[in-house]
Protein backbone atom coordinates (compact mmCIF):
# COMPACT_ATOMS: atom_id res chain seq x y z
CA MET A 1 71.74 6.20 212.30
CA SER A 2 74.56 7.85 210.19
CA ARG A 3 73.95 7.65 206.42
CA PRO A 4 76.02 5.31 204.49
CA ALA A 5 78.72 6.61 202.46
CA LEU A 6 77.78 5.21 199.28
CA GLU A 7 74.51 4.48 198.12
CA VAL A 8 72.91 2.58 195.04
CA ALA A 9 71.44 5.76 193.87
CA ASP A 10 75.10 7.18 193.78
CA ILE A 11 75.88 4.69 191.57
CA PHE A 12 72.49 5.15 189.54
CA ARG A 13 73.01 8.93 189.35
CA ASP A 14 76.36 8.60 188.14
CA HIS A 15 76.13 5.59 185.86
CA GLY A 16 72.36 4.95 185.32
CA ALA A 17 72.09 7.13 182.44
CA ALA A 18 75.08 5.23 180.62
CA TRP A 19 73.74 2.17 181.26
CA ARG A 20 70.10 2.94 180.23
CA LEU A 21 71.41 3.89 176.69
CA ALA A 22 73.81 0.94 176.22
CA ASN A 23 70.57 -1.32 177.13
CA ALA A 24 67.94 0.69 174.94
CA GLY A 25 65.48 -1.49 173.88
CA HIS A 26 65.96 -3.89 176.65
CA VAL A 27 64.94 -2.15 179.59
CA SER A 28 61.50 -2.30 180.89
CA LEU A 29 59.03 0.21 182.27
CA ASP A 30 58.86 -0.99 185.66
CA GLN A 31 63.29 -0.83 185.90
CA MET A 32 63.29 2.42 184.56
CA LYS A 33 60.72 3.86 187.10
CA VAL A 34 62.60 2.06 189.58
CA MET A 35 65.84 3.62 188.60
CA SER A 36 64.33 7.14 188.54
CA ALA A 37 62.62 6.81 191.76
CA ILE A 38 65.76 5.63 193.76
CA GLU A 39 68.00 8.55 191.56
CA ARG A 40 65.56 11.13 192.90
CA CYS A 41 64.73 10.03 196.66
CA ARG A 42 65.14 12.62 199.23
CA THR A 43 66.17 15.25 196.48
CA ALA A 44 64.61 18.54 195.98
CA ALA A 45 63.21 16.50 192.73
CA LEU A 46 60.61 15.28 195.37
CA GLY A 47 60.07 18.19 197.53
CA GLY A 48 60.37 18.14 201.06
CA HIS A 49 60.03 20.03 204.58
CA VAL A 50 61.81 22.56 206.79
CA ALA A 51 62.27 21.26 210.52
CA ARG A 52 63.64 23.66 213.56
CA CYS A 53 64.73 22.29 216.86
CA GLU A 54 62.00 24.02 219.38
CA ASP A 55 64.79 24.17 221.95
CA CYS A 56 67.87 25.20 220.05
CA ALA A 57 66.73 26.27 217.00
CA HIS A 58 69.10 23.79 214.95
CA THR A 59 67.39 24.00 211.47
CA VAL A 60 67.41 21.14 208.83
CA ILE A 61 65.82 20.34 205.37
CA ALA A 62 64.38 16.89 204.78
CA TYR A 63 63.67 15.94 201.49
CA ASN A 64 60.85 13.60 200.56
CA SER A 65 61.12 9.94 200.14
CA CYS A 66 60.27 8.23 196.87
CA ARG A 67 58.54 5.40 198.79
CA ASN A 68 59.45 2.88 195.98
CA ARG A 69 59.52 -0.65 197.21
CA HIS A 70 63.05 -1.12 195.42
CA CYS A 71 64.41 1.44 197.64
CA PRO A 72 66.76 0.77 199.84
CA LYS A 73 66.18 3.95 201.67
CA CYS A 74 62.60 3.81 201.78
CA GLN A 75 61.60 0.32 203.48
CA GLY A 76 62.29 1.37 207.02
CA ALA A 77 58.97 3.27 207.85
CA ALA A 78 57.42 0.99 205.57
CA ALA A 79 58.48 -2.10 208.10
CA ARG A 80 57.94 -0.25 211.23
CA ASP A 81 54.30 0.29 210.35
CA TRP A 82 54.18 -3.40 208.84
CA LEU A 83 55.32 -4.77 211.79
CA ALA A 84 52.95 -2.86 214.51
CA GLU A 85 50.31 -4.85 212.74
CA ARG A 86 51.71 -7.84 212.88
CA GLU A 87 52.54 -7.48 216.99
CA ALA A 88 49.04 -7.31 217.53
CA GLU A 89 48.57 -10.70 216.02
CA LEU A 90 51.70 -12.96 217.70
CA LEU A 91 50.52 -16.14 219.93
CA PRO A 92 52.68 -17.27 222.60
CA VAL A 93 53.73 -20.35 220.94
CA GLY A 94 57.18 -20.99 219.45
CA TYR A 95 57.45 -20.18 215.65
CA PHE A 96 59.21 -21.75 213.24
CA HIS A 97 60.94 -20.85 209.83
CA LEU A 98 60.99 -22.43 206.47
CA VAL A 99 62.59 -21.80 203.08
CA PHE A 100 61.43 -23.33 199.55
CA THR A 101 63.59 -22.20 196.98
CA LEU A 102 62.96 -23.11 193.14
CA PRO A 103 65.56 -25.16 191.61
CA GLY A 104 67.66 -23.52 188.97
CA PRO A 105 66.10 -24.23 185.42
CA ILE A 106 62.90 -23.19 186.97
CA ALA A 107 64.60 -19.71 188.02
CA ASP A 108 65.91 -19.59 184.63
CA ILE A 109 62.29 -19.45 183.21
CA ALA A 110 60.88 -17.27 185.81
CA TYR A 111 63.11 -14.14 184.85
CA GLN A 112 60.75 -14.39 181.72
CA ASN A 113 57.70 -15.20 183.44
CA LYS A 114 58.19 -13.28 186.92
CA ALA A 115 54.22 -13.00 188.18
CA VAL A 116 53.21 -16.27 186.87
CA ILE A 117 55.89 -18.43 188.44
CA TYR A 118 56.50 -16.23 191.54
CA ASP A 119 52.71 -16.67 192.25
CA LEU A 120 52.91 -20.49 191.30
CA LEU A 121 55.87 -20.43 194.10
CA PHE A 122 53.41 -18.66 196.87
CA LYS A 123 50.43 -20.99 196.00
CA ALA A 124 52.42 -24.36 195.83
CA ALA A 125 54.60 -23.79 199.28
CA ALA A 126 51.24 -22.21 201.11
CA GLU A 127 49.37 -25.41 199.93
CA ALA A 128 51.87 -27.95 200.49
CA THR A 129 52.63 -26.87 204.04
CA LEU A 130 48.53 -26.35 204.85
CA THR A 131 47.90 -29.81 203.31
CA ILE A 132 50.53 -31.63 205.61
CA ALA A 133 49.39 -29.68 208.56
CA ASP A 134 46.24 -30.35 208.05
CA ASP A 135 46.72 -34.10 207.94
CA PRO A 136 46.01 -36.05 211.34
CA LYS A 137 48.83 -38.11 210.61
CA HIS A 138 51.23 -35.27 211.00
CA LEU A 139 49.61 -31.96 213.33
CA GLY A 140 46.19 -32.32 212.24
CA ALA A 141 45.44 -28.71 212.43
CA ARG A 142 44.80 -25.43 210.71
CA ILE A 143 47.96 -23.52 211.09
CA GLY A 144 48.53 -19.68 209.79
CA ILE A 145 51.30 -18.73 207.53
CA THR A 146 53.07 -15.34 206.54
CA ALA A 147 55.39 -15.61 203.48
CA VAL A 148 57.89 -13.23 202.20
CA LEU A 149 59.07 -13.47 198.75
CA HIS A 150 63.11 -12.91 198.00
CA THR A 151 64.50 -13.19 194.45
CA TRP A 152 67.90 -12.77 195.22
CA GLY A 153 71.12 -14.44 196.50
CA SER A 154 73.84 -12.70 198.39
CA ALA A 155 75.84 -11.82 195.07
CA LEU A 156 72.47 -10.64 193.57
CA THR A 157 71.82 -13.52 191.35
CA HIS A 158 68.48 -14.56 190.74
CA HIS A 159 67.19 -17.05 193.14
CA PRO A 160 63.38 -17.08 193.89
CA HIS A 161 62.80 -18.42 197.46
CA VAL A 162 59.92 -18.09 199.58
CA HIS A 163 60.67 -17.32 203.58
CA MET A 164 57.52 -18.82 205.84
CA ILE A 165 57.19 -17.94 209.72
CA VAL A 166 54.35 -20.26 210.88
CA PRO A 167 53.52 -20.41 214.55
CA GLY A 168 53.97 -24.12 216.01
CA GLY A 169 50.63 -25.37 216.33
CA GLY A 170 46.97 -24.69 215.02
CA ILE A 171 43.59 -24.88 215.79
CA SER A 172 42.30 -28.36 215.59
CA LEU A 173 39.97 -29.50 213.00
CA ASP A 174 36.57 -29.61 214.97
CA GLY A 175 37.93 -25.95 215.96
CA LYS A 176 37.32 -27.02 219.59
CA ARG A 177 41.02 -27.34 220.65
CA TRP A 178 44.59 -25.92 220.33
CA VAL A 179 47.16 -28.10 218.94
CA SER A 180 51.11 -27.85 219.42
CA CYS A 181 53.44 -29.52 217.46
CA ARG A 182 56.55 -31.22 219.10
CA PRO A 183 58.84 -29.57 220.67
CA GLY A 184 61.81 -28.21 218.41
CA PHE A 185 59.51 -29.66 215.25
CA PHE A 186 56.97 -28.76 213.03
CA LEU A 187 56.48 -30.69 209.62
CA PRO A 188 58.59 -33.41 208.20
CA VAL A 189 60.81 -31.12 205.50
CA ARG A 190 61.23 -34.41 203.07
CA VAL A 191 57.47 -34.94 202.73
CA LEU A 192 57.20 -30.81 202.23
CA SER A 193 59.77 -30.80 199.66
CA ARG A 194 58.06 -33.72 197.25
CA LEU A 195 54.65 -32.30 198.26
CA PHE A 196 56.08 -28.75 197.07
CA ARG A 197 57.41 -30.59 194.40
CA ARG A 198 54.52 -32.37 192.69
CA LEU A 199 52.15 -29.03 193.34
CA PHE A 200 54.57 -26.64 191.57
CA LEU A 201 55.38 -28.86 189.01
CA GLY A 202 51.22 -29.64 188.09
CA LYS A 203 50.27 -25.90 188.35
CA LEU A 204 53.53 -24.71 186.09
CA LEU A 205 52.55 -27.58 183.29
CA ALA A 206 48.56 -25.76 183.84
CA ALA A 207 49.81 -22.82 183.08
CA HIS A 208 51.92 -23.53 179.78
CA GLN A 209 48.81 -25.44 178.63
CA ALA A 210 47.03 -21.95 179.25
CA GLY A 211 49.25 -20.13 177.19
CA CYS A 212 50.41 -18.05 180.50
CA LEU A 213 54.14 -18.56 179.91
CA LYS A 214 56.47 -16.84 177.53
CA PHE A 215 60.04 -17.57 176.14
CA PHE A 216 62.63 -15.54 174.40
CA GLY A 217 66.31 -16.44 173.29
CA ASP A 218 67.37 -19.79 173.92
CA ARG A 219 64.48 -20.78 175.72
CA SER A 220 61.93 -20.37 172.79
CA GLY A 221 61.86 -23.57 172.06
CA LEU A 222 60.35 -24.45 175.39
CA ALA A 223 56.96 -22.92 173.95
CA ASP A 224 56.38 -26.35 172.34
CA ALA A 225 54.50 -29.07 174.62
CA GLY A 226 56.83 -31.79 173.94
CA GLU A 227 59.85 -29.91 174.21
CA PHE A 228 58.49 -28.34 177.52
CA THR A 229 57.35 -31.87 179.16
CA ALA A 230 60.75 -33.03 178.21
CA PHE A 231 62.30 -29.76 180.12
CA LEU A 232 60.45 -30.62 182.88
CA THR A 233 60.89 -34.63 183.41
CA PRO A 234 64.09 -34.46 185.46
CA LEU A 235 63.06 -31.73 187.76
CA ARG A 236 60.10 -34.32 188.87
CA LYS A 237 63.25 -36.64 190.09
CA ALA A 238 65.09 -33.86 191.64
CA GLU A 239 65.32 -33.11 195.11
CA TRP A 240 63.94 -29.63 195.96
CA VAL A 241 65.15 -27.52 198.76
CA VAL A 242 62.85 -27.20 201.48
CA TYR A 243 64.75 -25.91 204.29
CA ALA A 244 63.62 -25.62 208.14
CA LYS A 245 65.34 -23.61 210.54
CA LYS A 246 65.71 -23.74 214.00
CA PRO A 247 62.34 -22.68 216.30
CA PHE A 248 62.55 -19.03 217.06
CA GLY A 249 63.23 -18.38 220.64
CA GLY A 250 59.63 -16.40 221.28
CA PRO A 251 57.39 -13.92 219.37
CA GLN A 252 59.92 -10.96 220.10
CA ALA A 253 62.81 -12.96 218.09
CA VAL A 254 59.94 -13.24 215.26
CA LEU A 255 59.51 -9.79 215.21
CA ALA A 256 63.02 -8.96 215.19
CA TYR A 257 63.42 -11.69 212.17
CA LEU A 258 60.44 -10.11 210.05
CA SER A 259 61.84 -6.31 210.73
CA ARG A 260 64.80 -7.71 208.66
CA TYR A 261 63.10 -9.86 205.86
CA THR A 262 59.64 -8.46 204.81
CA HIS A 263 60.75 -5.36 203.41
CA ARG A 264 64.65 -6.08 202.34
CA VAL A 265 65.96 -5.12 198.88
CA ALA A 266 68.54 -6.91 196.91
CA ILE A 267 71.25 -4.94 198.53
CA SER A 268 71.39 -2.59 201.30
CA ASN A 269 73.22 0.50 200.66
CA ARG A 270 75.50 -0.74 204.30
CA ARG A 271 76.81 -3.53 202.01
CA LEU A 272 78.14 -1.10 199.54
CA ILE A 273 82.21 -0.53 200.11
CA SER A 274 83.37 1.38 197.07
CA ALA A 275 82.24 2.96 193.71
CA ASP A 276 85.24 3.54 191.14
CA ASP A 277 86.58 2.52 187.50
CA ASN A 278 87.21 -1.10 189.01
CA GLY A 279 83.52 -1.47 189.41
CA VAL A 280 81.40 -1.67 192.45
CA THR A 281 82.67 -3.61 195.13
CA PHE A 282 80.15 -4.80 198.25
CA LYS A 283 80.17 -7.25 201.24
CA TRP A 284 78.74 -10.94 200.46
CA LYS A 285 78.11 -14.07 201.75
CA ASP A 286 79.25 -17.33 200.41
CA TYR A 287 76.82 -19.92 201.48
CA ARG A 288 78.81 -22.47 200.27
CA ILE A 289 81.56 -21.81 202.96
CA GLU A 290 81.02 -22.38 206.80
CA GLY A 291 82.39 -20.25 209.43
CA PRO A 292 83.63 -16.44 209.24
CA GLY A 293 85.06 -17.61 206.00
CA ARG A 294 81.85 -17.17 203.99
CA TYR A 295 81.91 -13.19 204.60
CA THR A 296 83.77 -11.60 202.11
CA THR A 297 83.60 -8.99 199.04
CA MET A 298 82.73 -9.36 195.63
CA THR A 299 83.70 -6.78 192.83
CA LEU A 300 81.25 -5.84 189.63
CA PRO A 301 81.50 -4.25 186.82
CA THR A 302 79.42 -1.02 187.15
CA HIS A 303 76.66 -2.00 184.40
CA GLU A 304 76.89 -5.87 185.87
CA PHE A 305 75.99 -4.01 189.32
CA ILE A 306 73.22 -2.19 187.65
CA ARG A 307 71.92 -5.26 185.71
CA ARG A 308 71.95 -7.36 188.62
CA PHE A 309 69.96 -5.04 190.59
CA LEU A 310 67.35 -4.19 188.26
CA VAL A 311 66.90 -8.26 187.73
CA HIS A 312 64.88 -8.19 191.13
CA VAL A 313 62.10 -5.85 189.96
CA LEU A 314 59.03 -6.95 190.39
CA PRO A 315 55.96 -6.97 188.48
CA LYS A 316 53.59 -3.96 189.09
CA ARG A 317 50.95 -4.77 191.79
CA PHE A 318 52.68 -8.12 192.53
CA TYR A 319 52.45 -8.74 196.34
CA ARG A 320 55.63 -10.06 198.04
CA ILE A 321 54.45 -10.58 201.59
CA ARG A 322 51.19 -12.87 201.73
CA HIS A 323 49.35 -14.53 204.38
CA TYR A 324 47.33 -18.46 203.94
CA GLY A 325 45.33 -20.14 206.52
CA LEU A 326 44.30 -18.47 209.86
CA LEU A 327 46.28 -15.55 208.85
CA ALA A 328 44.38 -15.32 205.66
CA ASN A 329 43.03 -11.57 205.10
CA GLY A 330 39.55 -12.80 204.97
CA ASN A 331 38.98 -14.07 208.43
CA ARG A 332 42.37 -13.03 210.32
CA ALA A 333 40.86 -11.31 212.86
CA ALA A 334 38.58 -13.81 213.77
CA ASN A 335 41.04 -16.79 214.20
CA ILE A 336 43.67 -14.91 215.81
CA ALA A 337 40.72 -14.30 218.68
CA ARG A 338 39.50 -17.89 218.69
CA ALA A 339 43.47 -19.23 218.73
CA ARG A 340 43.58 -16.70 221.86
CA GLU A 341 40.72 -18.10 223.34
CA LEU A 342 42.03 -21.72 223.10
CA LEU A 343 45.41 -20.49 224.13
CA ALA A 344 43.21 -18.75 227.38
CA MET A 345 45.17 -15.50 226.40
CA PRO A 346 43.64 -12.17 227.84
CA ALA A 347 41.44 -10.42 225.14
CA ARG A 348 43.43 -7.52 223.57
CA SER A 349 41.74 -3.95 224.73
CA GLU A 350 41.19 -1.65 222.22
CA GLN A 351 42.99 1.76 222.49
CA PRO A 352 41.23 4.78 221.96
CA ASP A 353 41.84 6.62 218.60
CA THR A 354 42.93 10.12 219.13
CA SER A 355 45.00 10.91 215.83
CA ASP A 356 42.25 13.45 214.83
CA ALA A 357 42.37 15.63 217.86
CA THR A 358 45.91 15.20 218.01
CA ALA A 359 46.64 16.29 214.49
CA VAL A 360 44.67 19.50 215.27
CA GLU A 361 46.01 20.47 218.73
CA GLU A 362 49.96 19.50 218.10
CA PRO A 363 52.27 21.16 215.49
CA ARG A 364 53.90 18.35 212.41
CA VAL A 365 56.79 16.82 214.30
CA LEU A 366 59.98 14.94 212.47
CA PRO A 367 60.33 11.45 213.66
CA ARG A 368 63.49 11.75 214.79
CA PRO A 369 64.68 14.33 217.73
CA CYS A 370 67.40 17.32 217.26
CA PRO A 371 70.83 15.84 216.56
CA CYS A 372 72.16 18.63 218.74
CA CYS A 373 69.91 18.59 221.56
CA SER A 374 67.57 15.76 221.23
CA GLY A 375 64.39 18.27 221.32
CA ARG A 376 61.73 18.24 219.22
CA MET A 377 61.99 19.11 215.35
CA ILE A 378 58.95 21.09 214.50
CA ILE A 379 58.04 21.31 210.71
CA ILE A 380 58.02 24.94 209.76
CA GLU A 381 58.04 25.08 206.26
CA THR A 382 56.61 22.46 203.18
CA PHE A 383 58.05 23.17 199.49
CA GLU A 384 56.93 21.20 196.34
CA ARG A 385 58.68 19.23 194.07
CA GLY A 386 61.46 21.11 192.24
CA CYS A 387 61.41 24.08 194.56
CA GLN A 388 63.56 25.15 197.05
CA PRO A 389 62.89 25.93 200.62
CA ARG A 390 63.15 29.32 201.70
CA HIS A 391 64.96 28.71 205.10
CA ARG A 392 68.32 27.55 205.22
CA PRO A 393 69.74 24.63 207.37
CA THR A 394 72.26 25.29 210.17
CA PRO A 395 75.59 24.77 208.83
CA ASN A 396 77.63 21.78 210.32
CA PRO A 397 79.66 22.81 213.10
CA ALA A 398 83.89 22.45 211.54
CA ALA A 399 85.33 19.60 213.04
CA ILE A 400 87.99 20.05 215.32
CA ARG A 401 91.17 17.98 214.58
CA ILE A 402 93.89 17.54 216.95
CA ASP A 403 97.16 16.12 215.61
CA THR A 404 99.27 14.13 217.87
CA SER A 405 101.82 12.82 215.69
């Protein structure tokens, strides 16, 4: 895949220093670290290695990645590794996609309390789904959930919501059979929405009473218990958005979806169009419009683009992918094995691990083939951060242009 002509890293390198100076005292340490990582990603500042094709001797320099989870360039490899593990957990049943969204007023205070409120969003959404599924009036089964947090809208605005992928059924409460949901229907959305609302507001009020929430600026008055209660009152009557999308076509469709969503960042480099004196122009989707017209472009002043991107930096050690129910980490393997047994699936055979032997016998190879002949690219040199390699890359051949005018 070719490198995009414009990257977030280019915008940060060109305008990041001025933005940091203009916003001195208002930029968190986590945001500073993200900017620095993206600016240095795949440059000599992080070191790298030199690879040469074993067939045609074509030589390339590959600089190291920053591996920051907010970097648009570093999520592909992480997603592939994660998906390889998830593929072994898929069941031969239909899968459903649920979306739980926080209302605007809660999203406003979530920005000042990311770790607390994002965590409550996960917990309330998961508890609501597990509770309704557990109810014999609905499904009467223990289900598994994979949940992914997204904090952005297409225009980079702050829009916290959780995507859930759930199999269309679960293990019966007595553990003796697999209970399938009705075709094309998982759980009643309105019931989910109202339980989600009640659970979240209860947990949010408890967090306020425990002194876990902080408020600044125009929201500083919400630190008062009475004012915070009044703030929550209209939210108890409003309809909260819980959306159930059409079920997936099958397990492979689930993997395709997960590959797009699990390690996504606020904006990909391929959505960027230009960056100039007028600002940054990028592609976005207006969800208020139906049909092809919803796909359009937006131009933001450069400093506003940087601000919006950094709004979505997550707190340190905050997990944005979580598993619940049958897929909770503690008993996941045993639960999946039991589900496979109840579904009469053949047991998965364990593949022998030959990685140690291979590492000794085989040279280190780049994951992508030679761009000239598709041969193996053997790593012939490794260089440290801030150093330059001894070997030089093969020059790109001059483009041949034919003027037919």
